[in-house]
C-alpha atoms as a PDB file:
ATOM      1  CA  MET A   1     135.373  65.817 104.106  1.00  0.00           C
ATOM      2  CA  LYS A   2     135.755  62.923 101.716  1.00  0.00           C
ATOM      3  CA  ALA A   3     132.680  61.733  99.918  1.00  0.00           C
ATOM      4  CA  SER A   4     131.223  58.571 101.348  1.00  0.00           C
ATOM      5  CA  LYS A   5     130.823  55.480  99.227  1.00  0.00           C
ATOM      6  CA  ARG A   6     127.347  54.358  98.227  1.00  0.00           C
ATOM      7  CA  VAL A   7     126.580  50.684  98.367  1.00  0.00           C
ATOM      8  CA  TYR A   8     123.306  48.912  97.576  1.00  0.00           C
ATOM      9  CA  MET A   9     123.400  45.601  99.424  1.00  0.00           C
ATOM     10  CA  GLY A  10     121.512  42.638  98.011  1.00  0.00           C
ATOM     11  CA  PHE A  11     121.616  38.869  97.974  1.00  0.00           C
ATOM     12  CA  TYR A  12     119.606  36.736  95.536  1.00  0.00           C
ATOM     13  CA  GLY A  13     117.227  34.226  97.117  1.00  0.00           C
ATOM     14  CA  TRP A  14     117.573  35.601 100.613  1.00  0.00           C
ATOM     15  CA  ARG A  15     118.058  39.128  99.454  1.00  0.00           C
ATOM     16  CA  LYS A  16     118.151  41.899 101.976  1.00  0.00           C
ATOM     17  CA  VAL A  17     118.463  45.636 102.154  1.00  0.00           C
ATOM     18  CA  VAL A  18     120.112  46.920 105.282  1.00  0.00           C
ATOM     19  CA  LEU A  19     119.770  50.509 106.347  1.00  0.00           C
ATOM     20  CA  LEU A  20     121.959  52.029 109.001  1.00  0.00           C
ATOM     21  CA  TRP A  21     120.981  55.579 108.333  1.00  0.00           C
ATOM     22  CA  GLY A  22     120.696  57.262 111.704  1.00  0.00           C
ATOM     23  CA  SER A  23     118.026  59.823 112.334  1.00  0.00           C
ATOM     24  CA  LEU A  24     116.169  59.852 109.023  1.00  0.00           C
ATOM     25  CA  ALA A  25     115.161  56.201 109.242  1.00  0.00           C
ATOM     26  CA  LEU A  26     112.553  56.911 111.919  1.00  0.00           C
ATOM     27  CA  GLY A  27     110.253  58.106 109.137  1.00  0.00           C
ATOM     28  CA  PHE A  28     109.886  54.454 108.127  1.00  0.00           C
ATOM     29  CA  ALA A  29     107.975  53.851 111.331  1.00  0.00           C
ATOM     30  CA  LEU A  30     106.204  57.207 111.410  1.00  0.00           C
ATOM     31  CA  ALA A  31     104.846  56.952 107.889  1.00  0.00           C
ATOM     32  CA  CYS A  32     103.164  53.590 108.214  1.00  0.00           C
ATOM     33  CA  THR A  33     103.113  51.938 111.615  1.00  0.00           C
ATOM     34  CA  SER A  34     102.243  48.589 110.032  1.00  0.00           C
ATOM     35  CA  SER A  35     105.642  48.432 108.324  1.00  0.00           C
ATOM     36  CA  GLY A  36     109.290  48.793 109.014  1.00  0.00           C
ATOM     37  CA  VAL A  37     111.874  47.008 111.035  1.00  0.00           C
ATOM     38  CA  VAL A  38     113.130  47.757 114.466  1.00  0.00           C
ATOM     39  CA  ARG A  39     109.509  48.514 115.019  1.00  0.00           C
ATOM     40  CA  ASN A  40     106.527  46.842 116.581  1.00  0.00           C
ATOM     41  CA  ALA A  41     104.985  44.729 113.795  1.00  0.00           C
ATOM     42  CA  PRO A  42     101.279  43.838 113.922  1.00  0.00           C
ATOM     43  CA  VAL A  43     100.501  41.186 116.477  1.00  0.00           C
ATOM     44  CA  PRO A  44      98.855  38.307 114.573  1.00  0.00           C
ATOM     45  CA  THR A  45      95.132  38.606 115.131  1.00  0.00           C
ATOM     46  CA  SER A  46      92.068  38.528 112.966  1.00  0.00           C
ATOM     47  CA  GLU A  47      91.432  42.208 113.570  1.00  0.00           C
ATOM     48  CA  PRO A  48      92.235  44.707 110.794  1.00  0.00           C
ATOM     49  CA  ILE A  49      95.189  47.049 111.166  1.00  0.00           C
ATOM     50  CA  VAL A  50      94.255  50.559 112.292  1.00  0.00           C
ATOM     51  CA  LEU A  51      96.762  53.361 111.870  1.00  0.00           C
ATOM     52  CA  ALA A  52      96.434  56.088 114.460  1.00  0.00           C
ATOM     53  CA  THR A  53      96.919  59.689 113.299  1.00  0.00           C
ATOM     54  CA  PRO A  54      97.630  61.955 116.296  1.00  0.00           C
ATOM     55  CA  THR A  55      97.432  65.709 115.965  1.00  0.00           C
ATOM     56  CA  PRO A  56     100.852  66.912 114.771  1.00  0.00           C
ATOM     57  CA  THR A  57     102.807  69.699 116.400  1.00  0.00           C
ATOM     58  CA  SER A  58     103.578  72.834 114.465  1.00  0.00           C
ATOM     59  CA  LEU A  59     106.613  72.826 112.208  1.00  0.00           C
ATOM     60  CA  ALA A  60     107.381  76.269 113.641  1.00  0.00           C
ATOM     61  CA  THR A  61     107.865  74.888 117.159  1.00  0.00           C
ATOM     62  CA  PRO A  62     111.272  75.917 118.598  1.00  0.00           C
ATOM     63  CA  THR A  63     113.894  73.172 118.435  1.00  0.00           C
ATOM     64  CA  PRO A  64     113.671  71.190 121.693  1.00  0.00           C
ATOM     65  CA  PRO A  65     116.635  69.488 123.375  1.00  0.00           C
ATOM     66  CA  ALA A  66     118.060  66.211 122.076  1.00  0.00           C
ATOM     67  CA  TRP A  67     115.776  63.198 122.138  1.00  0.00           C
ATOM     68  CA  GLN A  68     115.573  61.554 125.551  1.00  0.00           C
ATOM     69  CA  GLY A  69     113.382  58.585 124.625  1.00  0.00           C
ATOM     70  CA  GLY A  70     110.090  60.078 125.769  1.00  0.00           C
ATOM     71  CA  ASN A  71     108.994  62.539 123.102  1.00  0.00           C
ATOM     72  CA  SER A  72     105.589  62.209 121.487  1.00  0.00           C
ATOM     73  CA  VAL A  73     106.142  61.485 117.793  1.00  0.00           C
ATOM     74  CA  PRO A  74     103.070  62.438 115.752  1.00  0.00           C
ATOM     75  CA  THR A  75     102.387  61.113 112.274  1.00  0.00           C
ATOM     76  CA  PRO A  76     102.241  63.604 109.369  1.00  0.00           C
ATOM     77  CA  THR A  77      98.805  64.338 107.957  1.00  0.00           C
ATOM     78  CA  PRO A  78      97.723  66.003 104.680  1.00  0.00           C
ATOM     79  CA  GLN A  79      97.075  69.194 106.633  1.00  0.00           C
ATOM     80  CA  ASP A  80     100.816  69.459 107.335  1.00  0.00           C
ATOM     81  CA  GLY A  81     101.606  69.670 103.649  1.00  0.00           C
ATOM     82  CA  VAL A  82     104.512  67.275 104.207  1.00  0.00           C
ATOM     83  CA  LEU A  83     103.154  64.029 102.790  1.00  0.00           C
ATOM     84  CA  ALA A  84     105.162  64.427  99.598  1.00  0.00           C
ATOM     85  CA  ALA A  85     108.891  63.684  99.674  1.00  0.00           C
ATOM     86  CA  HIS A  86     110.718  65.963 102.090  1.00  0.00           C
ATOM     87  CA  THR A  87     113.976  65.976 104.033  1.00  0.00           C
ATOM     88  CA  THR A  88     112.883  67.351 107.407  1.00  0.00           C
ATOM     89  CA  PRO A  89     111.633  65.151 110.264  1.00  0.00           C
ATOM     90  CA  PRO A  90     107.866  65.097 110.810  1.00  0.00           C
ATOM     91  CA  GLY A  91     106.086  66.553 113.799  1.00  0.00           C
ATOM     92  CA  GLY A  92     108.499  69.454 114.218  1.00  0.00           C
ATOM     93  CA  LEU A  93     111.272  67.186 115.472  1.00  0.00           C
ATOM     94  CA  ALA A  94     114.898  68.118 114.971  1.00  0.00           C
ATOM     95  CA  PRO A  95     117.238  65.440 113.535  1.00  0.00           C
ATOM     96  CA  ASN A  96     119.050  65.138 116.881  1.00  0.00           C
ATOM     97  CA  GLN A  97     115.761  64.182 118.529  1.00  0.00           C
ATOM     98  CA  VAL A  98     115.296  61.116 116.388  1.00  0.00           C
ATOM     99  CA  PRO A  99     116.830  57.825 117.561  1.00  0.00           C
ATOM    100  CA  GLN A 100     118.889  55.713 115.200  1.00  0.00           C
ATOM    101  CA  PHE A 101     117.017  52.916 113.453  1.00  0.00           C
ATOM    102  CA  VAL A 102     118.391  49.871 111.672  1.00  0.00           C
ATOM    103  CA  VAL A 103     115.945  48.549 109.070  1.00  0.00           C
ATOM    104  CA  PHE A 104     115.944  44.978 107.762  1.00  0.00           C
ATOM    105  CA  GLY A 105     113.939  43.722 104.791  1.00  0.00           C
ATOM    106  CA  SER A 106     114.208  40.307 103.142  1.00  0.00           C
ATOM    107  CA  ASP A 107     112.661  39.263  99.840  1.00  0.00           C
ATOM    108  CA  GLY A 108     112.521  36.004  97.926  1.00  0.00           C
ATOM    109  CA  ASN A 109     112.654  33.809 101.058  1.00  0.00           C
ATOM    110  CA  TYR A 110     112.956  30.476  99.220  1.00  0.00           C
ATOM    111  CA  GLN A 111     114.839  28.625 101.952  1.00  0.00           C
ATOM    112  CA  SER A 112     113.536  27.669 105.366  1.00  0.00           C
ATOM    113  CA  SER A 113     117.065  27.702 106.821  1.00  0.00           C
ATOM    114  CA  GLY A 114     117.509  31.368 105.929  1.00  0.00           C
ATOM    115  CA  ASN A 115     114.089  32.318 107.235  1.00  0.00           C
ATOM    116  CA  ASN A 116     114.676  30.479 110.513  1.00  0.00           C
ATOM    117  CA  TRP A 117     118.108  32.069 110.877  1.00  0.00           C
ATOM    118  CA  LEU A 118     116.534  35.506 110.594  1.00  0.00           C
ATOM    119  CA  VAL A 119     113.805  34.740 113.121  1.00  0.00           C
ATOM    120  CA  TYR A 120     115.771  32.829 115.735  1.00  0.00           C
ATOM    121  CA  GLU A 121     119.373  34.038 115.428  1.00  0.00           C
ATOM    122  CA  LEU A 122     119.509  37.493 113.863  1.00  0.00           C
ATOM    123  CA  PHE A 123     116.413  38.786 115.651  1.00  0.00           C
ATOM    124  CA  GLY A 124     115.743  36.146 118.308  1.00  0.00           C
ATOM    125  CA  PRO A 125     114.981  37.649 121.704  1.00  0.00           C
ATOM    126  CA  LYS A 126     116.589  41.011 120.876  1.00  0.00           C
ATOM    127  CA  LYS A 127     114.740  44.131 121.955  1.00  0.00           C
ATOM    128  CA  ASN A 128     115.175  47.842 121.450  1.00  0.00           C
ATOM    129  CA  PRO A 129     116.671  49.803 124.370  1.00  0.00           C
ATOM    130  CA  GLN A 130     114.140  50.412 127.108  1.00  0.00           C
ATOM    131  CA  GLY A 131     114.457  54.186 126.859  1.00  0.00           C
ATOM    132  CA  ALA A 132     111.545  55.915 128.545  1.00  0.00           C
ATOM    133  CA  GLY A 133     109.075  53.171 127.658  1.00  0.00           C
ATOM    134  CA  ASN A 134     107.492  55.203 124.878  1.00  0.00           C
ATOM    135  CA  PRO A 135     105.737  52.837 122.428  1.00  0.00           C
ATOM    136  CA  ARG A 136     105.701  55.509 119.693  1.00  0.00           C
ATOM    137  CA  THR A 137     109.498  55.270 119.506  1.00  0.00           C
ATOM    138  CA  PHE A 138     109.414  51.500 120.099  1.00  0.00           C
ATOM    139  CA  ASP A 139     111.216  51.641 123.434  1.00  0.00           C
ATOM    140  CA  GLY A 140     111.755  48.120 124.727  1.00  0.00           C
ATOM    141  CA  GLU A 141     109.883  46.590 121.791  1.00  0.00           C
ATOM    142  CA  PRO A 142     111.064  43.399 120.014  1.00  0.00           C
ATOM    143  CA  VAL A 143     113.374  43.785 117.020  1.00  0.00           C
ATOM    144  CA  LEU A 144     111.311  42.693 114.023  1.00  0.00           C
ATOM    145  CA  GLY A 145     111.581  42.467 110.238  1.00  0.00           C
ATOM    146  CA  THR A 146     109.577  42.394 107.024  1.00  0.00           C
ATOM    147  CA  PHE A 147     109.517  39.342 104.736  1.00  0.00           C
ATOM    148  CA  TYR A 148     108.484  40.228 101.164  1.00  0.00           C
ATOM    149  CA  VAL A 149     107.406  36.804  99.965  1.00  0.00           C
ATOM    150  CA  THR A 150     107.321  35.702  96.333  1.00  0.00           C
ATOM    151  CA  GLY A 151     104.434  33.510  95.258  1.00  0.00           C
ATOM    152  CA  GLN A 152     106.915  30.968  93.934  1.00  0.00           C
ATOM    153  CA  ALA A 153     107.573  30.002  97.537  1.00  0.00           C
ATOM    154  CA  GLU A 154     104.475  27.818  97.239  1.00  0.00           C
ATOM    155  CA  GLU A 155     106.601  25.478  95.095  1.00  0.00           C
ATOM    156  CA  MET A 156     109.280  25.134  97.802  1.00  0.00           C
ATOM    157  CA  GLY A 157     107.393  22.834 100.155  1.00  0.00           C
ATOM    158  CA  ARG A 158     106.023  22.787 103.668  1.00  0.00           C
ATOM    159  CA  PRO A 159     109.290  23.607 105.538  1.00  0.00           C
ATOM    160  CA  VAL A 160     109.421  26.960 103.728  1.00  0.00           C
ATOM    161  CA  TRP A 161     105.725  27.636 104.341  1.00  0.00           C
ATOM    162  CA  GLU A 162     106.056  26.825 108.029  1.00  0.00           C
ATOM    163  CA  SER A 163     109.161  29.006 108.420  1.00  0.00           C
ATOM    164  CA  LEU A 164     107.340  32.018 106.965  1.00  0.00           C
ATOM    165  CA  TYR A 165     104.142  31.349 108.881  1.00  0.00           C
ATOM    166  CA  ASN A 166     106.187  31.075 112.062  1.00  0.00           C
ATOM    167  CA  ALA A 167     107.917  34.377 111.279  1.00  0.00           C
ATOM    168  CA  TRP A 168     104.495  35.997 111.153  1.00  0.00           C
ATOM    169  CA  LEU A 169     103.476  34.336 114.425  1.00  0.00           C
ATOM    170  CA  GLN A 170     106.613  35.833 115.987  1.00  0.00           C
ATOM    171  CA  GLY A 171     105.411  39.311 114.994  1.00  0.00           C
ATOM    172  CA  HIS A 172     107.318  39.856 111.759  1.00  0.00           C
ATOM    173  CA  GLU A 173     105.519  41.441 108.822  1.00  0.00           C
ATOM    174  CA  ILE A 174     104.686  39.541 105.628  1.00  0.00           C
ATOM    175  CA  GLY A 175     104.575  41.515 102.376  1.00  0.00           C
ATOM    176  CA  ASN A 176     103.785  40.659  98.751  1.00  0.00           C
ATOM    177  CA  ARG A 177     106.728  40.495  96.308  1.00  0.00           C
ATOM    178  CA  SER A 178     104.783  39.374  93.225  1.00  0.00           C
ATOM    179  CA  TYR A 179     104.886  35.815  91.910  1.00  0.00           C
ATOM    180  CA  GLY A 180     107.916  35.532  89.652  1.00  0.00           C
ATOM    181  CA  ASP A 181     111.066  37.540  89.028  1.00  0.00           C
ATOM    182  CA  LYS A 182     109.763  39.669  86.173  1.00  0.00           C
ATOM    183  CA  GLY A 183     109.114  43.369  86.509  1.00  0.00           C
ATOM    184  CA  ASN A 184     108.029  46.276  84.303  1.00  0.00           C
ATOM    185  CA  LEU A 185     104.824  44.402  83.431  1.00  0.00           C
ATOM    186  CA  SER A 186     101.510  45.397  81.868  1.00  0.00           C
ATOM    187  CA  PRO A 187      98.547  46.132  84.184  1.00  0.00           C
ATOM    188  CA  GLU A 188      97.053  42.718  83.410  1.00  0.00           C
ATOM    189  CA  GLN A 189     100.327  40.953  84.172  1.00  0.00           C
ATOM    190  CA  TRP A 190     100.784  42.844  87.436  1.00  0.00           C
ATOM    191  CA  ARG A 191      97.255  41.947  88.519  1.00  0.00           C
ATOM    192  CA  ASP A 192      97.852  38.281  87.787  1.00  0.00           C
ATOM    193  CA  GLU A 193     101.242  38.119  89.530  1.00  0.00           C
ATOM    194  CA  ILE A 194     100.059  39.983  92.615  1.00  0.00           C
ATOM    195  CA  ALA A 195      96.762  38.113  92.871  1.00  0.00           C
ATOM    196  CA  ARG A 196      98.489  34.707  92.609  1.00  0.00           C
ATOM    197  CA  THR A 197     100.875  35.661  95.379  1.00  0.00           C
ATOM    198  CA  GLN A 198      98.100  37.093  97.522  1.00  0.00           C
ATOM    199  CA  GLU A 199      96.132  33.857  97.153  1.00  0.00           C
ATOM    200  CA  PHE A 200      99.159  31.851  98.311  1.00  0.00           C
ATOM    201  CA  LEU A 201      99.836  34.155 101.252  1.00  0.00           C
ATOM    202  CA  THR A 202      96.252  33.968 102.504  1.00  0.00           C
ATOM    203  CA  ARG A 203      95.559  30.291 101.729  1.00  0.00           C
ATOM    204  CA  PRO A 204      95.470  28.168 104.929  1.00  0.00           C
ATOM    205  CA  LEU A 205      98.724  26.467 105.888  1.00  0.00           C
ATOM    206  CA  SER A 206      96.965  23.098 105.781  1.00  0.00           C
ATOM    207  CA  GLN A 207      96.222  23.736 102.096  1.00  0.00           C
ATOM    208  CA  GLY A 208      99.731  24.746 101.072  1.00  0.00           C
ATOM    209  CA  GLY A 209      99.621  28.463 101.856  1.00  0.00           C
ATOM    210  CA  LEU A 210     100.770  30.716 104.683  1.00  0.00           C
ATOM    211  CA  GLY A 211      97.426  31.533 106.265  1.00  0.00           C
ATOM    212  CA  ILE A 212      98.136  35.266 106.676  1.00  0.00           C
ATOM    213  CA  PRO A 213      95.017  37.460 107.020  1.00  0.00           C
ATOM    214  CA  ALA A 214      94.665  39.692 103.967  1.00  0.00           C
ATOM    215  CA  SER A 215      94.262  42.728 106.233  1.00  0.00           C
ATOM    216  CA  HIS A 216      97.846  42.230 107.443  1.00  0.00           C
ATOM    217  CA  ILE A 217      99.394  42.221 103.957  1.00  0.00           C
ATOM    218  CA  VAL A 218      99.779  45.935 103.334  1.00  0.00           C
ATOM    219  CA  GLY A 219     103.232  46.254 101.725  1.00  0.00           C
ATOM    220  CA  PHE A 220     104.695  45.385  98.330  1.00  0.00           C
ATOM    221  CA  ARG A 221     108.151  45.172  96.800  1.00  0.00           C
ATOM    222  CA  ALA A 222     108.642  44.754  93.036  1.00  0.00           C
ATOM    223  CA  PRO A 223     110.915  41.947  91.753  1.00  0.00           C
ATOM    224  CA  GLU A 224     114.426  43.376  91.447  1.00  0.00           C
ATOM    225  CA  ASP A 225     112.833  46.770  92.153  1.00  0.00           C
ATOM    226  CA  ARG A 226     111.586  46.822  88.525  1.00  0.00           C
ATOM    227  CA  TYR A 227     108.497  48.964  88.954  1.00  0.00           C
ATOM    228  CA  ASN A 228     106.686  51.027  86.327  1.00  0.00           C
ATOM    229  CA  PRO A 229     103.741  53.474  86.384  1.00  0.00           C
ATOM    230  CA  ASP A 230     101.201  50.666  85.873  1.00  0.00           C
ATOM    231  CA  LEU A 231     102.356  48.882  89.028  1.00  0.00           C
ATOM    232  CA  PHE A 232     101.295  51.691  91.342  1.00  0.00           C
ATOM    233  CA  LYS A 233      97.845  51.893  89.787  1.00  0.00           C
ATOM    234  CA  VAL A 234      97.392  48.169  90.396  1.00  0.00           C
ATOM    235  CA  LEU A 235      98.676  48.441  93.973  1.00  0.00           C
ATOM    236  CA  GLU A 236      95.981  51.016  94.643  1.00  0.00           C
ATOM    237  CA  GLU A 237      93.385  48.677  93.166  1.00  0.00           C
ATOM    238  CA  PHE A 238      94.466  45.946  95.584  1.00  0.00           C
ATOM    239  CA  GLY A 239      94.387  48.325  98.539  1.00  0.00           C
ATOM    240  CA  PHE A 240      98.076  48.179  99.478  1.00  0.00           C
ATOM    241  CA  ARG A 241      99.222  50.868 101.903  1.00  0.00           C
ATOM    242  CA  TYR A 242     102.843  51.149 100.787  1.00  0.00           C
ATOM    243  CA  ASP A 243     105.438  50.174  98.207  1.00  0.00           C
ATOM    244  CA  ALA A 244     109.128  49.535  98.981  1.00  0.00           C
ATOM    245  CA  SER A 245     110.683  49.453  95.505  1.00  0.00           C
ATOM    246  CA  ILE A 246     112.091  52.925  94.767  1.00  0.00           C
ATOM    247  CA  VAL A 247     115.679  53.270  95.945  1.00  0.00           C
ATOM    248  CA  GLU A 248     116.564  56.581  97.567  1.00  0.00           C
ATOM    249  CA  GLY A 249     120.029  58.119  97.647  1.00  0.00           C
ATOM    250  CA  TYR A 250     121.558  57.828  94.171  1.00  0.00           C
ATOM    251  CA  GLN A 251     121.313  61.584  93.611  1.00  0.00           C
ATOM    252  CA  PHE A 252     124.761  63.185  93.459  1.00  0.00           C
ATOM    253  CA  PHE A 253     123.717  65.828  96.012  1.00  0.00           C
ATOM    254  CA  LYS A 254     122.626  63.262  98.636  1.00  0.00           C
ATOM    255  CA  ASP A 255     125.120  62.703 101.416  1.00  0.00           C
ATOM    256  CA  GLY A 256     123.222  60.849 104.141  1.00  0.00           C
ATOM    257  CA  THR A 257     122.019  63.992 105.907  1.00  0.00           C
ATOM    258  CA  ASN A 258     119.465  65.136 103.333  1.00  0.00           C
ATOM    259  CA  GLU A 259     117.658  61.975 102.238  1.00  0.00           C
ATOM    260  CA  ALA A 260     113.892  62.019 101.712  1.00  0.00           C
ATOM    261  CA  TRP A 261     111.799  60.580 104.492  1.00  0.00           C
ATOM    262  CA  PRO A 262     109.266  57.898 103.556  1.00  0.00           C
ATOM    263  CA  TYR A 263     106.528  59.725 101.707  1.00  0.00           C
ATOM    264  CA  ALA A 264     103.139  59.466 100.087  1.00  0.00           C
ATOM    265  CA  LEU A 265     103.264  59.501  96.290  1.00  0.00           C
ATOM    266  CA  VAL A 266     101.324  62.771  96.188  1.00  0.00           C
ATOM    267  CA  GLU A 267     103.700  64.212  93.608  1.00  0.00           C
ATOM    268  CA  GLY A 268     105.103  60.959  92.302  1.00  0.00           C
ATOM    269  CA  SER A 269     108.734  60.229  93.181  1.00  0.00           C
ATOM    270  CA  SER A 270     111.558  62.674  92.530  1.00  0.00           C
ATOM    271  CA  SER A 271     114.070  59.881  93.201  1.00  0.00           C
ATOM    272  CA  ALA A 272     112.504  57.623  90.551  1.00  0.00           C
ATOM    273  CA  LEU A 273     112.414  60.547  88.101  1.00  0.00           C
ATOM    274  CA  TYR A 274     116.085  61.331  88.772  1.00  0.00           C
ATOM    275  CA  MET A 275     117.163  57.732  88.142  1.00  0.00           C
ATOM    276  CA  TYR A 276     115.038  57.493  84.977  1.00  0.00           C
ATOM    277  CA  GLU A 277     116.278  60.747  83.443  1.00  0.00           C
ATOM    278  CA  ARG A 278     119.918  59.804  84.044  1.00  0.00           C
ATOM    279  CA  GLY A 279     119.636  56.241  82.826  1.00  0.00           C
ATOM    280  CA  ILE A 280     120.201  54.657  86.245  1.00  0.00           C
ATOM    281  CA  LYS A 281     116.822  52.946  85.901  1.00  0.00           C
ATOM    282  CA  ARG A 282     115.055  52.074  82.662  1.00  0.00           C
ATOM    283  CA  GLU A 283     111.640  52.008  84.299  1.00  0.00           C
ATOM    284  CA  ALA A 284     109.553  55.189  84.129  1.00  0.00           C
ATOM    285  CA  PRO A 285     108.644  56.844  87.445  1.00  0.00           C
ATOM    286  CA  PRO A 286     105.161  56.640  89.005  1.00  0.00           C
ATOM    287  CA  GLY A 287     102.571  59.359  88.752  1.00  0.00           C
ATOM    288  CA  SER A 288     100.531  60.807  91.603  1.00  0.00           C
ATOM    289  CA  HIS A 289      99.064  58.269  94.048  1.00  0.00           C
ATOM    290  CA  PRO A 290      98.160  60.173  97.239  1.00  0.00           C
ATOM    291  CA  ASP A 291      96.873  57.099  99.089  1.00  0.00           C
ATOM    292  CA  LEU A 292     100.030  55.061  98.540  1.00  0.00           C
ATOM    293  CA  TRP A 293     103.175  55.496 100.638  1.00  0.00           C
ATOM    294  CA  GLU A 294     106.703  54.872  99.428  1.00  0.00           C
ATOM    295  CA  LEU A 295     109.010  53.345 102.053  1.00  0.00           C
ATOM    296  CA  PRO A 296     112.226  53.312 100.027  1.00  0.00           C
ATOM    297  CA  PRO A 297     115.276  51.120 100.432  1.00  0.00           C
ATOM    298  CA  TYR A 298     118.201  53.496 100.952  1.00  0.00           C
ATOM    299  CA  VAL A 299     121.735  53.180  99.692  1.00  0.00           C
ATOM    300  CA  TYR A 300     124.184  52.187 102.394  1.00  0.00           C
ATOM    301  CA  ARG A 301     126.904  54.763 102.860  1.00  0.00           C
ATOM    302  CA  VAL A 302     130.320  53.749 104.028  1.00  0.00           C
ATOM    303  CA  PRO A 303     131.499  56.501 106.403  1.00  0.00           C
ATOM    304  CA  PRO A 304     134.381  58.611 105.025  1.00  0.00           C
ATOM    305  CA  VAL A 305     137.883  57.775 106.209  1.00  0.00           C
END
């Protein structure tokens, strides 16, 4: 079999990462139900987000038949010993049980036209297949996305603010993407950039912000994915639930069937360490942060021909 090509897809301004990665992408939804795309994003309310943690099935459970749309999909817990990066599906599921997911993330979001195109044309009224009506696998749920918003969007005017606020009203997730385009910052600089963006995201729309409840802003993406160890310490300080900055799939032994599922940074990130040691990334990898999940953007693989 010929090796597949690896492509990281990105566009400045309205920059997006698109994942068409089949079975392994379900971990995005399993790991943190408040994030991910082709998933049911938080319905805008003033209530805090609560992540349910059902009792997982044993990893020794015999392999059941292929997924039929009605399986219970439990979330991994520390007792499973699978919170660190791993390549097997959670809850004892076999890869052929897991439905295909297509994940969309957009960061920057400086233009209202691009934001509105995402909300009304790309996503619009689209829904996932009805399946068996199982909400844990998002059967029949709206197709939704995550907007990682830079604080500099506050300089772009009311049409941009309204387009992002409307995206949130439509059920899409809003994340923090720092204020400017600089990464690999000191702890003090990270705190300032993140806090300025958080203030803009939560400021009322009538006062030039987006009016998003702070309890709904649980995800972060670093500018140009330029993280460093200090960033993850600051994210914990701010109470973020996940980061989406560490690209997965550059390892020479990865082929699309053995990628790491989204994981808690219990043991740091082997992907970040790999890229750092081989000069793919100049930024040092994070240390251990057990309370912080990593929901990585994955390289897009062109199928072999």
